[in-house]
PDB file of N, CA and C in Angstrom:
ATOM      1  N   UNK A   1      90.200 104.182 103.663  1.00  0.00           N
ATOM      2  CA  UNK A   1      90.691 105.077 104.695  1.00  0.00           C
ATOM      3  C   UNK A   1      90.867 106.394 103.979  1.00  0.00           C
ATOM      4  N   UNK A   2      90.632 107.562 104.575  1.00  0.00           N
ATOM      5  CA  UNK A   2      90.785 108.855 103.973  1.00  0.00           C
ATOM      6  C   UNK A   2      92.199 109.407 104.478  1.00  0.00           C
ATOM      7  N   UNK A   3      93.005 109.898 103.693  1.00  0.00           N
ATOM      8  CA  UNK A   3      94.161 110.584 103.913  1.00  0.00           C
ATOM      9  C   UNK A   3      94.132 112.056 103.462  1.00  0.00           C
ATOM     10  N   UNK A   4      94.864 112.912 104.336  1.00  0.00           N
ATOM     11  CA  UNK A   4      95.053 114.236 103.837  1.00  0.00           C
ATOM     12  C   UNK A   4      96.274 114.346 103.086  1.00  0.00           C
ATOM     13  N   UNK A   5      96.086 114.274 101.808  1.00  0.00           N
ATOM     14  CA  UNK A   5      97.235 114.153 100.919  1.00  0.00           C
ATOM     15  C   UNK A   5      98.257 115.257 100.975  1.00  0.00           C
ATOM     16  N   UNK A   6      97.856 116.414 101.394  1.00  0.00           N
ATOM     17  CA  UNK A   6      98.803 117.518 101.483  1.00  0.00           C
ATOM     18  C   UNK A   6      99.823 117.277 102.651  1.00  0.00           C
ATOM     19  N   UNK A   7      99.491 116.360 103.542  1.00  0.00           N
ATOM     20  CA  UNK A   7     100.330 116.192 104.773  1.00  0.00           C
ATOM     21  C   UNK A   7     101.395 114.933 104.542  1.00  0.00           C
ATOM     22  N   UNK A   8     101.231 114.335 103.353  1.00  0.00           N
ATOM     23  CA  UNK A   8     102.100 113.266 102.981  1.00  0.00           C
ATOM     24  C   UNK A   8     103.341 113.702 102.374  1.00  0.00           C
ATOM     25  N   UNK A   9     104.320 112.841 102.320  1.00  0.00           N
ATOM     26  CA  UNK A   9     105.562 113.145 101.606  1.00  0.00           C
ATOM     27  C   UNK A   9     105.622 112.444 100.356  1.00  0.00           C
ATOM     28  N   UNK A  10     105.453 113.089  99.212  1.00  0.00           N
ATOM     29  CA  UNK A  10     105.271 112.627  97.830  1.00  0.00           C
ATOM     30  C   UNK A  10     106.672 112.680  97.168  1.00  0.00           C
ATOM     31  N   UNK A  11     106.865 111.595  96.400  1.00  0.00           N
ATOM     32  CA  UNK A  11     108.092 111.394  95.672  1.00  0.00           C
ATOM     33  C   UNK A  11     107.992 111.252  94.206  1.00  0.00           C
ATOM     34  N   UNK A  12     108.831 111.795  93.395  1.00  0.00           N
ATOM     35  CA  UNK A  12     108.727 111.604  92.015  1.00  0.00           C
ATOM     36  C   UNK A  12     110.148 110.952  91.520  1.00  0.00           C
ATOM     37  N   UNK A  13     110.049 110.088  90.435  1.00  0.00           N
ATOM     38  CA  UNK A  13     111.163 109.618  89.847  1.00  0.00           C
ATOM     39  C   UNK A  13     112.308 110.681  89.538  1.00  0.00           C
ATOM     40  N   UNK A  14     113.525 110.255  89.748  1.00  0.00           N
ATOM     41  CA  UNK A  14     114.607 111.286  89.340  1.00  0.00           C
ATOM     42  C   UNK A  14     114.730 111.389  87.812  1.00  0.00           C
ATOM     43  N   UNK A  15     113.961 110.507  87.108  1.00  0.00           N
ATOM     44  CA  UNK A  15     113.874 110.666  85.579  1.00  0.00           C
ATOM     45  C   UNK A  15     112.750 111.550  85.140  1.00  0.00           C
ATOM     46  N   UNK A  16     111.982 112.005  86.123  1.00  0.00           N
ATOM     47  CA  UNK A  16     110.818 112.945  85.719  1.00  0.00           C
ATOM     48  C   UNK A  16     111.319 114.247  85.074  1.00  0.00           C
ATOM     49  N   UNK A  17     110.690 114.504  84.103  1.00  0.00           N
ATOM     50  CA  UNK A  17     111.012 115.934  83.381  1.00  0.00           C
ATOM     51  C   UNK A  17     109.779 116.447  82.783  1.00  0.00           C
ATOM     52  N   UNK A  18     109.692 117.824  82.808  1.00  0.00           N
ATOM     53  CA  UNK A  18     108.550 118.520  82.220  1.00  0.00           C
ATOM     54  C   UNK A  18     107.255 118.538  83.075  1.00  0.00           C
ATOM     55  N   UNK A  19     107.309 117.928  84.268  1.00  0.00           N
ATOM     56  CA  UNK A  19     106.214 118.022  85.212  1.00  0.00           C
ATOM     57  C   UNK A  19     105.063 117.006  84.875  1.00  0.00           C
ATOM     58  N   UNK A  20     105.326 116.041  83.928  1.00  0.00           N
ATOM     59  CA  UNK A  20     104.153 114.997  83.604  1.00  0.00           C
ATOM     60  C   UNK A  20     104.756 113.748  84.188  1.00  0.00           C
ATOM     61  N   UNK A  21     104.524 113.574  85.504  1.00  0.00           N
ATOM     62  CA  UNK A  21     105.030 112.309  86.144  1.00  0.00           C
ATOM     63  C   UNK A  21     104.002 111.824  87.186  1.00  0.00           C
ATOM     64  N   UNK A  22     104.175 110.758  87.651  1.00  0.00           N
ATOM     65  CA  UNK A  22     103.369 110.299  88.814  1.00  0.00           C
ATOM     66  C   UNK A  22     104.232 110.496  89.983  1.00  0.00           C
ATOM     67  N   UNK A  23     103.548 110.558  91.157  1.00  0.00           N
ATOM     68  CA  UNK A  23     104.169 110.765  92.468  1.00  0.00           C
ATOM     69  C   UNK A  23     103.570 109.619  93.269  1.00  0.00           C
ATOM     70  N   UNK A  24     104.426 109.196  94.267  1.00  0.00           N
ATOM     71  CA  UNK A  24     104.091 108.098  95.185  1.00  0.00           C
ATOM     72  C   UNK A  24     104.175 108.562  96.589  1.00  0.00           C
ATOM     73  N   UNK A  25     103.493 108.076  97.527  1.00  0.00           N
ATOM     74  CA  UNK A  25     103.567 108.330  98.981  1.00  0.00           C
ATOM     75  C   UNK A  25     103.314 107.138  99.726  1.00  0.00           C
ATOM     76  N   UNK A  26     103.746 106.945 100.923  1.00  0.00           N
ATOM     77  CA  UNK A  26     103.318 105.991 101.797  1.00  0.00           C
ATOM     78  C   UNK A  26     102.337 106.617 102.817  1.00  0.00           C
ATOM     79  N   UNK A  27     101.200 105.908 103.001  1.00  0.00           N
ATOM     80  CA  UNK A  27     100.355 106.398 103.965  1.00  0.00           C
ATOM     81  C   UNK A  27      99.900 105.170 104.847  1.00  0.00           C
ATOM     82  N   UNK A  28     100.322 104.995 106.030  1.00  0.00           N
ATOM     83  CA  UNK A  28     100.192 103.816 106.868  1.00  0.00           C
ATOM     84  C   UNK A  28     100.785 102.672 106.071  1.00  0.00           C
ATOM     85  N   UNK A  29     100.053 101.560 105.990  1.00  0.00           N
ATOM     86  CA  UNK A  29     100.462 100.479 105.131  1.00  0.00           C
ATOM     87  C   UNK A  29     100.282 100.502 103.687  1.00  0.00           C
ATOM     88  N   UNK A  30      99.584 101.508 103.334  1.00  0.00           N
ATOM     89  CA  UNK A  30      99.469 101.644 101.820  1.00  0.00           C
ATOM     90  C   UNK A  30     100.269 102.561 101.111  1.00  0.00           C
ATOM     91  N   UNK A  31     100.330 102.413  99.734  1.00  0.00           N
ATOM     92  CA  UNK A  31     101.239 103.137  98.764  1.00  0.00           C
ATOM     93  C   UNK A  31     100.132 103.853  97.915  1.00  0.00           C
ATOM     94  N   UNK A  32     100.358 105.180  97.935  1.00  0.00           N
ATOM     95  CA  UNK A  32      99.315 106.084  97.092  1.00  0.00           C
ATOM     96  C   UNK A  32     100.026 106.535  95.879  1.00  0.00           C
ATOM     97  N   UNK A  33      99.304 106.824  94.838  1.00  0.00           N
ATOM     98  CA  UNK A  33      99.909 107.248  93.562  1.00  0.00           C
ATOM     99  C   UNK A  33      98.979 108.418  92.975  1.00  0.00           C
ATOM    100  N   UNK A  34      99.483 109.308  92.487  1.00  0.00           N
ATOM    101  CA  UNK A  34      98.721 110.482  91.944  1.00  0.00           C
ATOM    102  C   UNK A  34      99.440 111.057  90.758  1.00  0.00           C
ATOM    103  N   UNK A  35      98.826 111.748  89.933  1.00  0.00           N
ATOM    104  CA  UNK A  35      99.353 112.639  88.857  1.00  0.00           C
ATOM    105  C   UNK A  35      99.871 113.833  89.356  1.00  0.00           C
ATOM    106  N   UNK A  36     101.076 114.103  89.058  1.00  0.00           N
ATOM    107  CA  UNK A  36     101.889 115.348  89.470  1.00  0.00           C
ATOM    108  C   UNK A  36     101.234 116.634  88.910  1.00  0.00           C
ATOM    109  N   UNK A  37     100.589 116.497  87.710  1.00  0.00           N
ATOM    110  CA  UNK A  37     100.001 117.564  87.098  1.00  0.00           C
ATOM    111  C   UNK A  37      98.529 118.073  87.880  1.00  0.00           C
ATOM    112  N   UNK A  38      98.036 117.125  88.567  1.00  0.00           N
ATOM    113  CA  UNK A  38      96.746 117.332  89.323  1.00  0.00           C
ATOM    114  C   UNK A  38      96.858 116.772  90.730  1.00  0.00           C
ATOM    115  N   UNK A  39      97.711 117.466  91.623  1.00  0.00           N
ATOM    116  CA  UNK A  39      97.856 116.856  92.984  1.00  0.00           C
ATOM    117  C   UNK A  39      96.607 116.978  93.751  1.00  0.00           C
ATOM    118  N   UNK A  40      95.540 117.684  93.458  1.00  0.00           N
ATOM    119  CA  UNK A  40      94.291 117.568  94.207  1.00  0.00           C
ATOM    120  C   UNK A  40      93.324 116.530  93.508  1.00  0.00           C
ATOM    121  N   UNK A  41      93.735 115.877  92.491  1.00  0.00           N
ATOM    122  CA  UNK A  41      92.837 114.895  91.699  1.00  0.00           C
ATOM    123  C   UNK A  41      92.854 113.492  92.513  1.00  0.00           C
ATOM    124  N   UNK A  42      92.500 112.641  91.595  1.00  0.00           N
ATOM    125  CA  UNK A  42      92.305 111.193  92.194  1.00  0.00           C
ATOM    126  C   UNK A  42      93.623 110.731  92.656  1.00  0.00           C
ATOM    127  N   UNK A  43      93.517 109.866  93.641  1.00  0.00           N
ATOM    128  CA  UNK A  43      94.620 109.052  94.336  1.00  0.00           C
ATOM    129  C   UNK A  43      94.259 107.625  94.199  1.00  0.00           C
ATOM    130  N   UNK A  44      95.247 106.865  93.734  1.00  0.00           N
ATOM    131  CA  UNK A  44      95.054 105.366  93.728  1.00  0.00           C
ATOM    132  C   UNK A  44      95.858 104.849  94.967  1.00  0.00           C
ATOM    133  N   UNK A  45      95.258 103.865  95.508  1.00  0.00           N
ATOM    134  CA  UNK A  45      95.887 103.301  96.706  1.00  0.00           C
ATOM    135  C   UNK A  45      96.122 101.764  96.469  1.00  0.00           C
ATOM    136  N   UNK A  46      97.293 101.311  96.898  1.00  0.00           N
ATOM    137  CA  UNK A  46      97.657  99.837  96.804  1.00  0.00           C
ATOM    138  C   UNK A  46      98.203  99.412  98.097  1.00  0.00           C
ATOM    139  N   UNK A  47      97.918  98.090  98.278  1.00  0.00           N
ATOM    140  CA  UNK A  47      98.493  97.404  99.430  1.00  0.00           C
ATOM    141  C   UNK A  47      99.941  97.141  99.105  1.00  0.00           C
ATOM    142  N   UNK A  48     100.826  96.773 100.009  1.00  0.00           N
ATOM    143  CA  UNK A  48     102.139  96.512  99.783  1.00  0.00           C
ATOM    144  C   UNK A  48     102.395  95.453  98.839  1.00  0.00           C
ATOM    145  N   UNK A  49     101.575  94.301  98.858  1.00  0.00           N
ATOM    146  CA  UNK A  49     101.648  93.278  97.971  1.00  0.00           C
ATOM    147  C   UNK A  49     101.208  93.611  96.479  1.00  0.00           C
ATOM    148  N   UNK A  50     100.281  94.369  96.371  1.00  0.00           N
ATOM    149  CA  UNK A  50      99.826  94.969  95.074  1.00  0.00           C
ATOM    150  C   UNK A  50     100.927  95.678  94.504  1.00  0.00           C
ATOM    151  N   UNK A  51     101.565  96.597  95.307  1.00  0.00           N
ATOM    152  CA  UNK A  51     102.613  97.523  94.765  1.00  0.00           C
ATOM    153  C   UNK A  51     103.855  96.722  94.342  1.00  0.00           C
ATOM    154  N   UNK A  52     104.133  95.727  95.059  1.00  0.00           N
ATOM    155  CA  UNK A  52     105.297  94.934  94.731  1.00  0.00           C
ATOM    156  C   UNK A  52     105.106  94.028  93.468  1.00  0.00           C
ATOM    157  N   UNK A  53     103.851  93.603  93.204  1.00  0.00           N
ATOM    158  CA  UNK A  53     103.621  92.959  91.921  1.00  0.00           C
ATOM    159  C   UNK A  53     103.541  93.914  90.780  1.00  0.00           C
ATOM    160  N   UNK A  54     103.111  95.055  91.082  1.00  0.00           N
ATOM    161  CA  UNK A  54     103.172  96.206  90.066  1.00  0.00           C
ATOM    162  C   UNK A  54     104.625  96.378  89.509  1.00  0.00           C
ATOM    163  N   UNK A  55     105.437  96.667  90.554  1.00  0.00           N
ATOM    164  CA  UNK A  55     106.845  97.151  90.334  1.00  0.00           C
ATOM    165  C   UNK A  55     107.560  95.874  89.706  1.00  0.00           C
ATOM    166  N   UNK A  56     107.417  94.706  90.173  1.00  0.00           N
ATOM    167  CA  UNK A  56     107.884  93.449  89.454  1.00  0.00           C
ATOM    168  C   UNK A  56     107.470  93.375  88.032  1.00  0.00           C
ATOM    169  N   UNK A  57     106.238  93.496  87.750  1.00  0.00           N
ATOM    170  CA  UNK A  57     105.748  93.499  86.368  1.00  0.00           C
ATOM    171  C   UNK A  57     106.338  94.491  85.504  1.00  0.00           C
ATOM    172  N   UNK A  58     106.561  95.703  86.007  1.00  0.00           N
ATOM    173  CA  UNK A  58     107.243  96.783  85.222  1.00  0.00           C
ATOM    174  C   UNK A  58     108.749  96.264  84.950  1.00  0.00           C
ATOM    175  N   UNK A  59     109.466  95.828  85.892  1.00  0.00           N
ATOM    176  CA  UNK A  59     110.808  95.315  85.787  1.00  0.00           C
ATOM    177  C   UNK A  59     110.922  94.221  84.759  1.00  0.00           C
ATOM    178  N   UNK A  60     109.848  93.396  84.679  1.00  0.00           N
ATOM    179  CA  UNK A  60     109.943  92.339  83.759  1.00  0.00           C
ATOM    180  C   UNK A  60     109.436  92.664  82.360  1.00  0.00           C
ATOM    181  N   UNK A  61     108.933  93.921  82.183  1.00  0.00           N
ATOM    182  CA  UNK A  61     108.471  94.283  80.923  1.00  0.00           C
ATOM    183  C   UNK A  61     107.000  93.886  80.570  1.00  0.00           C
ATOM    184  N   UNK A  62     106.315  93.411  81.502  1.00  0.00           N
ATOM    185  CA  UNK A  62     104.946  92.967  81.330  1.00  0.00           C
ATOM    186  C   UNK A  62     103.930  94.059  81.060  1.00  0.00           C
ATOM    187  N   UNK A  63     104.246  95.217  81.091  1.00  0.00           N
ATOM    188  CA  UNK A  63     103.269  96.375  81.015  1.00  0.00           C
ATOM    189  C   UNK A  63     103.488  97.173  79.725  1.00  0.00           C
ATOM    190  N   UNK A  64     103.919  96.593  78.763  1.00  0.00           N
ATOM    191  CA  UNK A  64     104.168  97.206  77.379  1.00  0.00           C
ATOM    192  C   UNK A  64     102.801  97.617  76.714  1.00  0.00           C
ATOM    193  N   UNK A  65     102.736  98.667  76.235  1.00  0.00           N
ATOM    194  CA  UNK A  65     101.557  99.106  75.504  1.00  0.00           C
ATOM    195  C   UNK A  65     101.660  99.004  74.003  1.00  0.00           C
ATOM    196  N   UNK A  66     102.632  98.158  73.583  1.00  0.00           N
ATOM    197  CA  UNK A  66     102.782  97.946  72.140  1.00  0.00           C
ATOM    198  C   UNK A  66     101.791  96.906  71.637  1.00  0.00           C
TER     199      UNK A  66
END
């Protein structure tokens, strides 16, 4: 599906500083994610179950880059 991203309500973490953050928005049933430095760039789309799995993985520390 195609979304007009400028019409969506984008959110950043309250921990964001320096403008190097990701932003998320809800579009219909999907969760969209984009780079705050490039708001006209690529947007990733996740289903609610994919987004929940990602968030749970982050909380459990499964996404470490070490």
